[in-house]
Every structure is written in C-alpha cells, then in structure tokens.
C-alpha cells in the first residue's frame, strides 16, 4: 500500500522525534511487530525514515514546505492491517486529504514440483 497525505501540518512533518514516534505508533496500531527503525532529518527541512517490521516495513518521506508526506507500507500475511497505520498517520499529521493505492504483491504461483527419475 502507498499513501499520499496532503495538507499536513508543516511543523509535524519537520519534527524528527515526532515523526519517529508517530511511525512507531502507526506500526503498533496496525498490529505489526517492530524489529527496528531509522530516521533522518534533512537540512533545511524534511524527514525520511523506515520502521522495519517482522512483516516487512513502513516508510515515510516528508516535504514540510508542501505540507506533503509519502508513505510506503509493505506487509505480508493477514495479521497486519496497513489501513490502520494510514489512519493513524492521517490523524497524527493532520492531513487534509489522503490518497491510497494498493498493489497486491507476492510470489507467482509455482508449478507443482515433479520428482525426476534420473539423478
């Protein structure tokens, strides 16, 4: 799932500690298992970061000058509900509008393995 958040609070988008906390809260809200995280504040503004989860990752990139944030939420299995993370981030960033796209991903179906008589 990807999400674009528009009309966000610029102060929040530029707050390294705030974005870190919000992303960890979003991971928890969607039922993910956090295994690590890394965030960076750019100069003069903006934050990018990733929360590594046992089920894959949640990433964010912010542009305070545009009131905009881009999210990538890659999850596997059925226990994690990425839409709950988007809802958490929408509220935390005070987004005016959110556009979400979902792309099913995964391994292609594999043909049934056959045993070979010749070795």
N, C-alpha and C. Protein backbone atom coordinates (compact mmCIF):
# COMPACT_ATOMS: atom_id res chain seq x y z
N UNK A 1 0.85 -1.16 0.00
CA UNK A 1 0.00 0.00 0.00
C UNK A 1 0.90 1.23 0.00
N UNK A 2 0.52 2.21 -0.78
CA UNK A 2 1.17 3.52 -0.71
C UNK A 2 0.09 4.54 -0.37
N UNK A 3 0.50 5.60 0.27
CA UNK A 3 -0.44 6.66 0.61
C UNK A 3 0.25 8.00 0.45
N UNK A 4 -0.49 8.95 -0.09
CA UNK A 4 -0.01 10.32 -0.21
C UNK A 4 -0.91 11.17 0.66
N UNK A 5 -0.30 11.94 1.56
CA UNK A 5 -1.04 12.77 2.50
C UNK A 5 -0.78 14.23 2.18
N UNK A 6 -1.85 14.97 1.96
CA UNK A 6 -1.78 16.37 1.55
C UNK A 6 -2.35 17.27 2.64
N UNK A 7 -1.89 18.51 2.67
CA UNK A 7 -2.41 19.47 3.63
C UNK A 7 -2.01 19.17 5.06
N UNK A 8 -0.86 18.52 5.23
CA UNK A 8 -0.37 18.14 6.56
C UNK A 8 0.23 19.34 7.28
N UNK A 9 0.34 19.24 8.60
CA UNK A 9 0.94 20.26 9.44
C UNK A 9 2.46 20.28 9.18
N UNK A 10 2.96 21.40 8.68
CA UNK A 10 4.39 21.51 8.33
C UNK A 10 5.31 21.30 9.52
N UNK A 11 4.91 21.79 10.68
CA UNK A 11 5.73 21.62 11.87
C UNK A 11 5.91 20.17 12.26
N UNK A 12 4.85 19.41 12.14
CA UNK A 12 4.92 17.98 12.46
C UNK A 12 5.78 17.25 11.42
N UNK A 13 5.61 17.61 10.15
CA UNK A 13 6.37 16.96 9.08
C UNK A 13 7.88 17.16 9.20
N UNK A 14 8.29 18.22 9.91
CA UNK A 14 9.71 18.55 10.03
C UNK A 14 10.29 18.15 11.39
N UNK A 15 9.51 17.47 12.20
CA UNK A 15 9.91 17.10 13.57
C UNK A 15 10.40 15.65 13.59
N UNK A 16 11.71 15.47 13.64
CA UNK A 16 12.30 14.13 13.61
C UNK A 16 11.75 13.24 14.71
N UNK A 17 11.77 13.71 15.94
CA UNK A 17 11.28 12.89 17.05
C UNK A 17 9.79 12.61 16.93
N UNK A 18 9.04 13.62 16.48
CA UNK A 18 7.60 13.46 16.31
C UNK A 18 7.26 12.45 15.24
N UNK A 19 7.95 12.51 14.10
CA UNK A 19 7.70 11.56 13.01
C UNK A 19 8.10 10.15 13.45
N UNK A 20 9.22 10.04 14.14
CA UNK A 20 9.65 8.73 14.63
C UNK A 20 8.58 8.13 15.54
N UNK A 21 8.12 8.89 16.51
CA UNK A 21 7.09 8.41 17.43
C UNK A 21 5.81 8.05 16.71
N UNK A 22 5.41 8.90 15.77
CA UNK A 22 4.17 8.67 15.03
C UNK A 22 4.25 7.40 14.18
N UNK A 23 5.39 7.16 13.56
CA UNK A 23 5.55 5.96 12.74
C UNK A 23 5.55 4.70 13.61
N UNK A 24 6.18 4.76 14.76
CA UNK A 24 6.15 3.61 15.67
C UNK A 24 4.74 3.37 16.20
N UNK A 25 4.01 4.44 16.45
CA UNK A 25 2.61 4.33 16.88
C UNK A 25 1.77 3.70 15.76
N UNK A 26 2.00 4.11 14.52
CA UNK A 26 1.26 3.57 13.38
C UNK A 26 1.54 2.08 13.21
N UNK A 27 2.80 1.69 13.39
CA UNK A 27 3.15 0.27 13.28
C UNK A 27 2.41 -0.54 14.33
N UNK A 28 2.37 -0.01 15.53
CA UNK A 28 1.66 -0.69 16.61
C UNK A 28 0.16 -0.74 16.33
N UNK A 29 -0.40 0.37 15.84
CA UNK A 29 -1.84 0.45 15.58
C UNK A 29 -2.30 -0.57 14.55
N UNK A 30 -1.43 -0.90 13.59
CA UNK A 30 -1.84 -1.84 12.54
C UNK A 30 -1.51 -3.29 12.89
N UNK A 31 -0.94 -3.52 14.08
CA UNK A 31 -0.67 -4.88 14.52
C UNK A 31 0.66 -5.44 14.08
N UNK A 32 1.58 -4.57 13.66
CA UNK A 32 2.90 -5.02 13.19
C UNK A 32 3.84 -5.28 14.37
N UNK A 33 4.85 -6.09 14.11
CA UNK A 33 5.89 -6.41 15.09
C UNK A 33 7.14 -5.63 14.73
N UNK A 34 7.44 -4.57 15.48
CA UNK A 34 8.59 -3.72 15.19
C UNK A 34 9.88 -4.43 15.59
N UNK A 35 10.84 -4.46 14.64
CA UNK A 35 12.15 -5.05 14.93
C UNK A 35 13.27 -4.00 14.86
N UNK A 36 12.97 -2.81 14.36
CA UNK A 36 13.96 -1.74 14.30
C UNK A 36 13.41 -0.54 13.57
N UNK A 37 14.17 0.58 13.62
CA UNK A 37 13.77 1.77 12.88
C UNK A 37 14.97 2.69 12.69
N UNK A 38 14.85 3.54 11.67
CA UNK A 38 15.92 4.50 11.37
C UNK A 38 15.27 5.71 10.69
N UNK A 39 15.56 6.91 11.20
CA UNK A 39 15.01 8.15 10.66
C UNK A 39 16.10 9.19 10.52
N UNK A 40 15.90 10.12 9.58
CA UNK A 40 16.88 11.17 9.32
C UNK A 40 16.15 12.47 9.01
N UNK A 41 16.62 13.56 9.60
CA UNK A 41 16.08 14.89 9.28
C UNK A 41 17.04 15.56 8.31
N UNK A 42 16.48 16.09 7.24
CA UNK A 42 17.27 16.77 6.23
C UNK A 42 17.37 18.26 6.53
N UNK A 43 18.39 18.90 5.97
CA UNK A 43 18.55 20.33 6.10
C UNK A 43 18.32 20.95 4.73
N UNK A 44 17.44 21.89 4.60
CA UNK A 44 16.87 22.67 5.68
C UNK A 44 15.58 22.07 6.28
N UNK A 45 14.99 21.06 5.63
CA UNK A 45 13.74 20.53 6.17
C UNK A 45 13.43 19.17 5.58
N UNK A 46 12.53 18.45 6.25
CA UNK A 46 12.06 17.15 5.78
C UNK A 46 12.64 16.01 6.58
N UNK A 47 11.85 14.96 6.66
CA UNK A 47 12.24 13.76 7.39
C UNK A 47 11.96 12.54 6.52
N UNK A 48 12.87 11.59 6.54
CA UNK A 48 12.64 10.29 5.90
C UNK A 48 12.98 9.22 6.91
N UNK A 49 12.26 8.12 6.83
CA UNK A 49 12.58 7.05 7.76
C UNK A 49 11.82 5.78 7.45
N UNK A 50 12.25 4.74 8.15
CA UNK A 50 11.66 3.43 7.95
C UNK A 50 11.53 2.72 9.30
N UNK A 51 10.43 2.02 9.44
CA UNK A 51 10.23 1.13 10.57
C UNK A 51 10.28 -0.28 10.00
N UNK A 52 11.25 -1.04 10.43
CA UNK A 52 11.37 -2.43 9.99
C UNK A 52 10.45 -3.26 10.87
N UNK A 53 9.58 -4.01 10.25
CA UNK A 53 8.66 -4.87 10.99
C UNK A 53 8.90 -6.31 10.58
N UNK A 54 8.54 -7.24 11.42
CA UNK A 54 8.72 -8.66 11.10
C UNK A 54 7.96 -9.00 9.82
N UNK A 55 6.93 -8.23 9.53
CA UNK A 55 6.08 -8.47 8.36
C UNK A 55 6.52 -7.66 7.15
N UNK A 56 7.60 -6.88 7.21
CA UNK A 56 8.26 -6.13 6.14
C UNK A 56 8.64 -4.73 6.60
N UNK A 57 7.96 -3.64 6.12
CA UNK A 57 8.39 -2.29 6.51
C UNK A 57 7.31 -1.23 6.30
N UNK A 58 7.49 -0.10 7.00
CA UNK A 58 6.70 1.11 6.81
C UNK A 58 7.71 2.23 6.59
N UNK A 59 7.55 2.99 5.52
CA UNK A 59 8.49 4.07 5.23
C UNK A 59 7.74 5.39 5.02
N UNK A 60 8.40 6.50 5.34
CA UNK A 60 7.81 7.82 5.16
C UNK A 60 8.86 8.78 4.62
N UNK A 61 8.41 9.72 3.80
CA UNK A 61 9.22 10.82 3.30
C UNK A 61 8.35 12.06 3.39
N UNK A 62 8.87 13.13 3.99
CA UNK A 62 8.05 14.33 4.19
C UNK A 62 8.64 15.54 3.48
N UNK A 63 7.75 16.40 3.04
CA UNK A 63 8.08 17.68 2.43
C UNK A 63 7.28 18.75 3.15
N UNK A 64 7.82 19.27 4.28
CA UNK A 64 7.08 20.27 5.05
C UNK A 64 6.67 21.50 4.23
N UNK A 65 7.56 21.91 3.33
CA UNK A 65 7.28 23.11 2.54
C UNK A 65 6.05 22.95 1.63
N UNK A 66 5.65 21.71 1.43
CA UNK A 66 4.47 21.44 0.60
C UNK A 66 3.32 20.83 1.41
N UNK A 67 3.54 20.63 2.71
CA UNK A 67 2.51 20.01 3.54
C UNK A 67 2.18 18.60 3.09
N UNK A 68 3.20 17.89 2.62
CA UNK A 68 3.01 16.60 1.95
C UNK A 68 3.87 15.51 2.57
N UNK A 69 3.30 14.31 2.65
CA UNK A 69 4.05 13.12 3.08
C UNK A 69 3.71 11.95 2.18
N UNK A 70 4.71 11.15 1.86
CA UNK A 70 4.52 9.93 1.06
C UNK A 70 4.84 8.73 1.95
N UNK A 71 3.95 7.75 1.94
CA UNK A 71 4.11 6.55 2.76
C UNK A 71 4.18 5.31 1.89
N UNK A 72 5.00 4.36 2.30
CA UNK A 72 5.04 3.03 1.70
C UNK A 72 4.83 2.05 2.84
N UNK A 73 3.85 1.18 2.70
CA UNK A 73 3.54 0.20 3.73
C UNK A 73 3.54 -1.17 3.06
N UNK A 74 4.61 -1.90 3.28
CA UNK A 74 4.76 -3.21 2.66
C UNK A 74 4.59 -4.24 3.76
N UNK A 75 3.58 -5.09 3.63
CA UNK A 75 3.33 -6.09 4.65
C UNK A 75 3.02 -7.43 4.01
N UNK A 76 3.22 -8.47 4.78
CA UNK A 76 2.88 -9.81 4.32
C UNK A 76 2.02 -10.48 5.38
N UNK A 77 1.33 -11.49 4.98
CA UNK A 77 0.44 -12.18 5.91
C UNK A 77 -0.88 -11.46 6.03
N UNK A 78 -1.69 -11.93 6.96
CA UNK A 78 -3.02 -11.34 7.12
C UNK A 78 -3.22 -10.67 8.48
N UNK A 79 -2.23 -10.74 9.35
CA UNK A 79 -2.39 -10.18 10.69
C UNK A 79 -2.25 -8.67 10.74
N UNK A 80 -1.46 -8.08 9.84
CA UNK A 80 -1.23 -6.64 9.82
C UNK A 80 -2.29 -5.97 8.96
N UNK A 81 -2.83 -4.87 9.46
CA UNK A 81 -3.86 -4.11 8.75
C UNK A 81 -3.31 -2.73 8.39
N UNK A 82 -2.63 -2.60 7.22
CA UNK A 82 -1.95 -1.35 6.89
C UNK A 82 -2.86 -0.13 6.85
N UNK A 83 -4.14 -0.31 6.57
CA UNK A 83 -5.04 0.84 6.53
C UNK A 83 -5.12 1.52 7.90
N UNK A 84 -4.98 0.73 8.97
CA UNK A 84 -4.99 1.31 10.32
C UNK A 84 -3.76 2.20 10.54
N UNK A 85 -2.64 1.84 9.93
CA UNK A 85 -1.44 2.68 10.02
C UNK A 85 -1.67 3.99 9.27
N UNK A 86 -2.28 3.90 8.10
CA UNK A 86 -2.58 5.12 7.34
C UNK A 86 -3.51 6.03 8.13
N UNK A 87 -4.54 5.46 8.74
CA UNK A 87 -5.47 6.25 9.54
C UNK A 87 -4.75 6.96 10.70
N UNK A 88 -3.86 6.25 11.35
CA UNK A 88 -3.08 6.81 12.46
C UNK A 88 -2.22 7.97 11.97
N UNK A 89 -1.56 7.79 10.85
CA UNK A 89 -0.69 8.83 10.30
C UNK A 89 -1.50 10.01 9.77
N UNK A 90 -2.63 9.75 9.16
CA UNK A 90 -3.51 10.83 8.69
C UNK A 90 -3.87 11.75 9.86
N UNK A 91 -4.30 11.13 10.97
CA UNK A 91 -4.68 11.91 12.13
C UNK A 91 -3.49 12.62 12.76
N UNK A 92 -2.37 11.92 12.91
CA UNK A 92 -1.19 12.48 13.54
C UNK A 92 -0.55 13.61 12.76
N UNK A 93 -0.64 13.54 11.43
CA UNK A 93 -0.06 14.58 10.58
C UNK A 93 -1.06 15.68 10.26
N UNK A 94 -2.30 15.48 10.72
CA UNK A 94 -3.40 16.43 10.46
C UNK A 94 -3.60 16.65 8.97
N UNK A 95 -3.57 15.55 8.22
CA UNK A 95 -3.72 15.61 6.77
C UNK A 95 -5.13 16.05 6.38
N UNK A 96 -5.20 16.89 5.37
CA UNK A 96 -6.48 17.32 4.85
C UNK A 96 -7.05 16.34 3.84
N UNK A 97 -6.16 15.64 3.14
CA UNK A 97 -6.59 14.69 2.12
C UNK A 97 -5.58 13.55 2.04
N UNK A 98 -6.09 12.34 1.82
CA UNK A 98 -5.24 11.16 1.70
C UNK A 98 -5.64 10.40 0.45
N UNK A 99 -4.65 10.00 -0.31
CA UNK A 99 -4.86 9.16 -1.49
C UNK A 99 -4.12 7.85 -1.26
N UNK A 100 -4.85 6.74 -1.28
CA UNK A 100 -4.26 5.42 -1.01
C UNK A 100 -4.32 4.57 -2.26
N UNK A 101 -3.25 3.84 -2.51
CA UNK A 101 -3.20 2.86 -3.61
C UNK A 101 -2.75 1.53 -3.04
N UNK A 102 -3.40 0.47 -3.45
CA UNK A 102 -3.00 -0.87 -3.03
C UNK A 102 -2.54 -1.66 -4.24
N UNK A 103 -1.43 -2.33 -4.08
CA UNK A 103 -0.87 -3.17 -5.13
C UNK A 103 -0.60 -4.55 -4.56
N UNK A 104 -1.38 -5.55 -4.96
CA UNK A 104 -1.09 -6.90 -4.47
C UNK A 104 0.28 -7.33 -4.97
N UNK A 105 1.07 -7.88 -4.08
CA UNK A 105 2.40 -8.36 -4.45
C UNK A 105 2.61 -9.73 -3.83
N UNK A 106 3.56 -10.43 -4.36
CA UNK A 106 3.89 -11.73 -3.81
C UNK A 106 4.55 -12.60 -4.85
N UNK A 107 4.85 -13.78 -4.41
CA UNK A 107 5.50 -14.73 -5.31
C UNK A 107 4.48 -15.27 -6.31
N UNK A 108 4.89 -15.45 -7.55
CA UNK A 108 3.96 -16.03 -8.52
C UNK A 108 3.67 -17.48 -8.13
N UNK A 109 2.53 -17.96 -8.58
CA UNK A 109 2.18 -19.37 -8.30
C UNK A 109 3.28 -20.26 -8.88
N UNK A 110 3.68 -21.22 -8.10
CA UNK A 110 4.74 -22.13 -8.54
C UNK A 110 4.12 -23.44 -8.97
N UNK A 111 4.59 -23.98 -10.08
CA UNK A 111 4.06 -25.28 -10.51
C UNK A 111 4.41 -26.36 -9.49
N UNK A 112 3.60 -27.36 -9.43
CA UNK A 112 3.85 -28.47 -8.52
C UNK A 112 5.17 -29.12 -8.89
N UNK A 113 6.01 -29.33 -7.90
CA UNK A 113 7.32 -29.94 -8.15
C UNK A 113 7.13 -31.38 -8.59
N UNK A 114 7.92 -31.78 -9.56
CA UNK A 114 7.88 -33.17 -10.02
C UNK A 114 9.20 -33.82 -9.65
N UNK A 115 9.09 -35.05 -9.28
CA UNK A 115 10.32 -35.80 -8.99
C UNK A 115 10.86 -36.36 -10.29
N UNK A 116 12.13 -36.23 -10.41
CA UNK A 116 12.79 -36.76 -11.60
C UNK A 116 13.33 -38.15 -11.30
N UNK A 117 13.12 -39.08 -12.25
CA UNK A 117 13.62 -40.45 -12.07
C UNK A 117 15.13 -40.47 -12.28
N UNK A 118 15.63 -39.61 -13.15
CA UNK A 118 17.06 -39.58 -13.42
C UNK A 118 17.74 -38.69 -12.39
N UNK A 119 18.87 -39.14 -11.90
CA UNK A 119 19.63 -38.34 -10.94
C UNK A 119 21.02 -38.15 -11.41
